[in-house]
Amino acid sequence: MSDLWVALCLVAVLEGLLLFVAPGGWKRAAAQIMMLPERQIRIIGGVVLGIGLVALYLVRNGGG
């Protein structure tokens, strides 16, 4: 369970870092995402989710 909290904290750190370092780029990206159809956003989210799960599996199991 503590691994989950560590992961959530790292997500917050990375998102905060992005907003701190490049607020203009973040705003432009958010505006572009708003123009995409929901189906396309869902597909992108699913792909990112899948990549994250595979990466987590590889990290937790020594990469091979």
N, C-alpha and C. Protein backbone atom coordinates (compact mmCIF):
# COMPACT_ATOMS: atom_id res chain seq x y z
N MET A 1 0.82 -1.21 0.00
CA MET A 1 0.00 0.00 0.00
C MET A 1 0.86 1.25 0.00
N SER A 2 2.02 1.18 0.66
CA SER A 2 2.87 2.37 0.67
C SER A 2 3.43 2.66 -0.72
N ASP A 3 3.60 1.60 -1.55
CA ASP A 3 4.05 1.81 -2.93
C ASP A 3 3.03 2.65 -3.70
N LEU A 4 1.76 2.42 -3.43
CA LEU A 4 0.72 3.20 -4.09
C LEU A 4 0.84 4.67 -3.72
N TRP A 5 1.04 4.96 -2.44
CA TRP A 5 1.18 6.36 -2.00
C TRP A 5 2.43 6.99 -2.60
N VAL A 6 3.51 6.23 -2.68
CA VAL A 6 4.74 6.75 -3.30
C VAL A 6 4.48 7.08 -4.76
N ALA A 7 3.79 6.18 -5.47
CA ALA A 7 3.48 6.41 -6.88
C ALA A 7 2.60 7.66 -7.06
N LEU A 8 1.59 7.80 -6.22
CA LEU A 8 0.72 8.97 -6.31
C LEU A 8 1.48 10.27 -6.02
N CYS A 9 2.37 10.22 -5.05
CA CYS A 9 3.19 11.40 -4.74
C CYS A 9 4.10 11.75 -5.92
N LEU A 10 4.67 10.74 -6.56
CA LEU A 10 5.53 11.01 -7.72
C LEU A 10 4.73 11.61 -8.87
N VAL A 11 3.51 11.15 -9.07
CA VAL A 11 2.65 11.74 -10.10
C VAL A 11 2.43 13.22 -9.80
N ALA A 12 2.12 13.53 -8.53
CA ALA A 12 1.91 14.93 -8.14
C ALA A 12 3.17 15.76 -8.36
N VAL A 13 4.32 15.21 -8.03
CA VAL A 13 5.58 15.93 -8.23
C VAL A 13 5.81 16.20 -9.71
N LEU A 14 5.63 15.19 -10.54
CA LEU A 14 5.86 15.36 -11.98
C LEU A 14 4.87 16.34 -12.61
N GLU A 15 3.62 16.25 -12.23
CA GLU A 15 2.64 17.19 -12.77
C GLU A 15 2.92 18.61 -12.29
N GLY A 16 3.28 18.75 -11.03
CA GLY A 16 3.63 20.08 -10.50
C GLY A 16 4.86 20.64 -11.18
N LEU A 17 5.84 19.78 -11.44
CA LEU A 17 7.06 20.22 -12.12
C LEU A 17 6.74 20.72 -13.52
N LEU A 18 5.88 20.00 -14.22
CA LEU A 18 5.50 20.42 -15.57
C LEU A 18 4.80 21.78 -15.54
N LEU A 19 3.89 21.96 -14.61
CA LEU A 19 3.20 23.24 -14.49
C LEU A 19 4.15 24.36 -14.08
N PHE A 20 5.12 24.06 -13.25
CA PHE A 20 6.07 25.07 -12.78
C PHE A 20 7.04 25.47 -13.89
N VAL A 21 7.54 24.48 -14.64
CA VAL A 21 8.57 24.75 -15.65
C VAL A 21 7.99 25.31 -16.94
N ALA A 22 6.84 24.80 -17.37
CA ALA A 22 6.30 25.20 -18.68
C ALA A 22 4.79 25.43 -18.61
N PRO A 23 4.37 26.47 -17.89
CA PRO A 23 2.92 26.70 -17.80
C PRO A 23 2.27 27.03 -19.15
N GLY A 24 2.98 27.74 -20.00
CA GLY A 24 2.43 28.09 -21.31
C GLY A 24 2.23 26.85 -22.18
N GLY A 25 3.21 25.96 -22.17
CA GLY A 25 3.09 24.72 -22.94
C GLY A 25 1.96 23.85 -22.42
N TRP A 26 1.80 23.83 -21.10
CA TRP A 26 0.72 23.06 -20.50
C TRP A 26 -0.63 23.61 -20.94
N LYS A 27 -0.77 24.93 -20.94
CA LYS A 27 -2.03 25.56 -21.35
C LYS A 27 -2.33 25.28 -22.82
N ARG A 28 -1.31 25.33 -23.67
CA ARG A 28 -1.52 25.04 -25.09
C ARG A 28 -1.94 23.59 -25.29
N ALA A 29 -1.28 22.68 -24.57
CA ALA A 29 -1.63 21.26 -24.68
C ALA A 29 -3.06 21.02 -24.21
N ALA A 30 -3.44 21.65 -23.10
CA ALA A 30 -4.80 21.49 -22.59
C ALA A 30 -5.82 22.03 -23.59
N ALA A 31 -5.52 23.14 -24.23
CA ALA A 31 -6.43 23.71 -25.22
C ALA A 31 -6.58 22.78 -26.43
N GLN A 32 -5.48 22.16 -26.85
CA GLN A 32 -5.54 21.22 -27.97
C GLN A 32 -6.34 19.98 -27.60
N ILE A 33 -6.17 19.50 -26.38
CA ILE A 33 -6.92 18.33 -25.93
C ILE A 33 -8.41 18.63 -25.91
N MET A 34 -8.77 19.84 -25.51
CA MET A 34 -10.19 20.22 -25.46
C MET A 34 -10.85 20.14 -26.83
N MET A 35 -10.07 20.29 -27.90
CA MET A 35 -10.63 20.26 -29.25
C MET A 35 -10.77 18.84 -29.80
N LEU A 36 -10.19 17.85 -29.13
CA LEU A 36 -10.26 16.48 -29.62
C LEU A 36 -11.60 15.85 -29.25
N PRO A 37 -12.08 14.96 -30.10
CA PRO A 37 -13.30 14.23 -29.73
C PRO A 37 -13.04 13.30 -28.55
N GLU A 38 -14.09 13.03 -27.76
CA GLU A 38 -13.93 12.19 -26.58
C GLU A 38 -13.38 10.81 -26.92
N ARG A 39 -13.81 10.26 -28.04
CA ARG A 39 -13.34 8.92 -28.44
C ARG A 39 -11.82 8.92 -28.59
N GLN A 40 -11.27 9.94 -29.21
CA GLN A 40 -9.83 10.01 -29.41
C GLN A 40 -9.10 10.18 -28.07
N ILE A 41 -9.66 10.96 -27.17
CA ILE A 41 -9.06 11.14 -25.85
C ILE A 41 -9.06 9.80 -25.10
N ARG A 42 -10.15 9.05 -25.21
CA ARG A 42 -10.23 7.74 -24.56
C ARG A 42 -9.18 6.79 -25.12
N ILE A 43 -8.99 6.80 -26.44
CA ILE A 43 -7.98 5.94 -27.06
C ILE A 43 -6.59 6.31 -26.56
N ILE A 44 -6.29 7.60 -26.54
CA ILE A 44 -4.98 8.05 -26.04
C ILE A 44 -4.81 7.63 -24.59
N GLY A 45 -5.85 7.82 -23.78
CA GLY A 45 -5.78 7.42 -22.38
C GLY A 45 -5.56 5.93 -22.22
N GLY A 46 -6.22 5.13 -23.04
CA GLY A 46 -6.04 3.68 -22.98
C GLY A 46 -4.64 3.25 -23.36
N VAL A 47 -4.08 3.90 -24.38
CA VAL A 47 -2.71 3.60 -24.80
C VAL A 47 -1.72 3.96 -23.70
N VAL A 48 -1.88 5.14 -23.12
CA VAL A 48 -0.99 5.57 -22.03
C VAL A 48 -1.14 4.63 -20.83
N LEU A 49 -2.37 4.24 -20.51
CA LEU A 49 -2.61 3.31 -19.43
C LEU A 49 -1.91 1.98 -19.69
N GLY A 50 -2.04 1.47 -20.90
CA GLY A 50 -1.38 0.21 -21.26
C GLY A 50 0.13 0.30 -21.17
N ILE A 51 0.70 1.39 -21.67
CA ILE A 51 2.15 1.58 -21.58
C ILE A 51 2.59 1.64 -20.12
N GLY A 52 1.82 2.34 -19.31
CA GLY A 52 2.14 2.44 -17.89
C GLY A 52 2.10 1.09 -17.20
N LEU A 53 1.09 0.27 -17.52
CA LEU A 53 1.00 -1.05 -16.91
C LEU A 53 2.15 -1.96 -17.33
N VAL A 54 2.51 -1.91 -18.61
CA VAL A 54 3.65 -2.71 -19.08
C VAL A 54 4.94 -2.24 -18.41
N ALA A 55 5.13 -0.93 -18.33
CA ALA A 55 6.33 -0.39 -17.68
C ALA A 55 6.38 -0.79 -16.21
N LEU A 56 5.24 -0.72 -15.54
CA LEU A 56 5.18 -1.13 -14.13
C LEU A 56 5.53 -2.60 -13.98
N TYR A 57 4.99 -3.43 -14.85
CA TYR A 57 5.31 -4.86 -14.81
C TYR A 57 6.81 -5.09 -14.98
N LEU A 58 7.38 -4.40 -15.97
CA LEU A 58 8.82 -4.58 -16.23
C LEU A 58 9.67 -4.11 -15.06
N VAL A 59 9.29 -2.99 -14.47
CA VAL A 59 10.06 -2.46 -13.33
C VAL A 59 9.94 -3.38 -12.13
N ARG A 60 8.75 -3.88 -11.87
CA ARG A 60 8.53 -4.72 -10.68
C ARG A 60 9.12 -6.11 -10.84
N ASN A 61 9.31 -6.57 -12.09
CA ASN A 61 9.82 -7.92 -12.33
C ASN A 61 11.22 -7.92 -12.92
N GLY A 62 11.96 -6.88 -12.73
CA GLY A 62 13.36 -6.85 -13.15
C GLY A 62 13.61 -6.69 -14.63
N GLY A 63 12.62 -6.36 -15.40
CA GLY A 63 12.82 -6.09 -16.82
C GLY A 63 13.04 -7.31 -17.67
N GLY A 64 12.83 -8.49 -17.17
CA GLY A 64 12.97 -9.64 -18.04
C GLY A 64 13.08 -10.86 -17.29
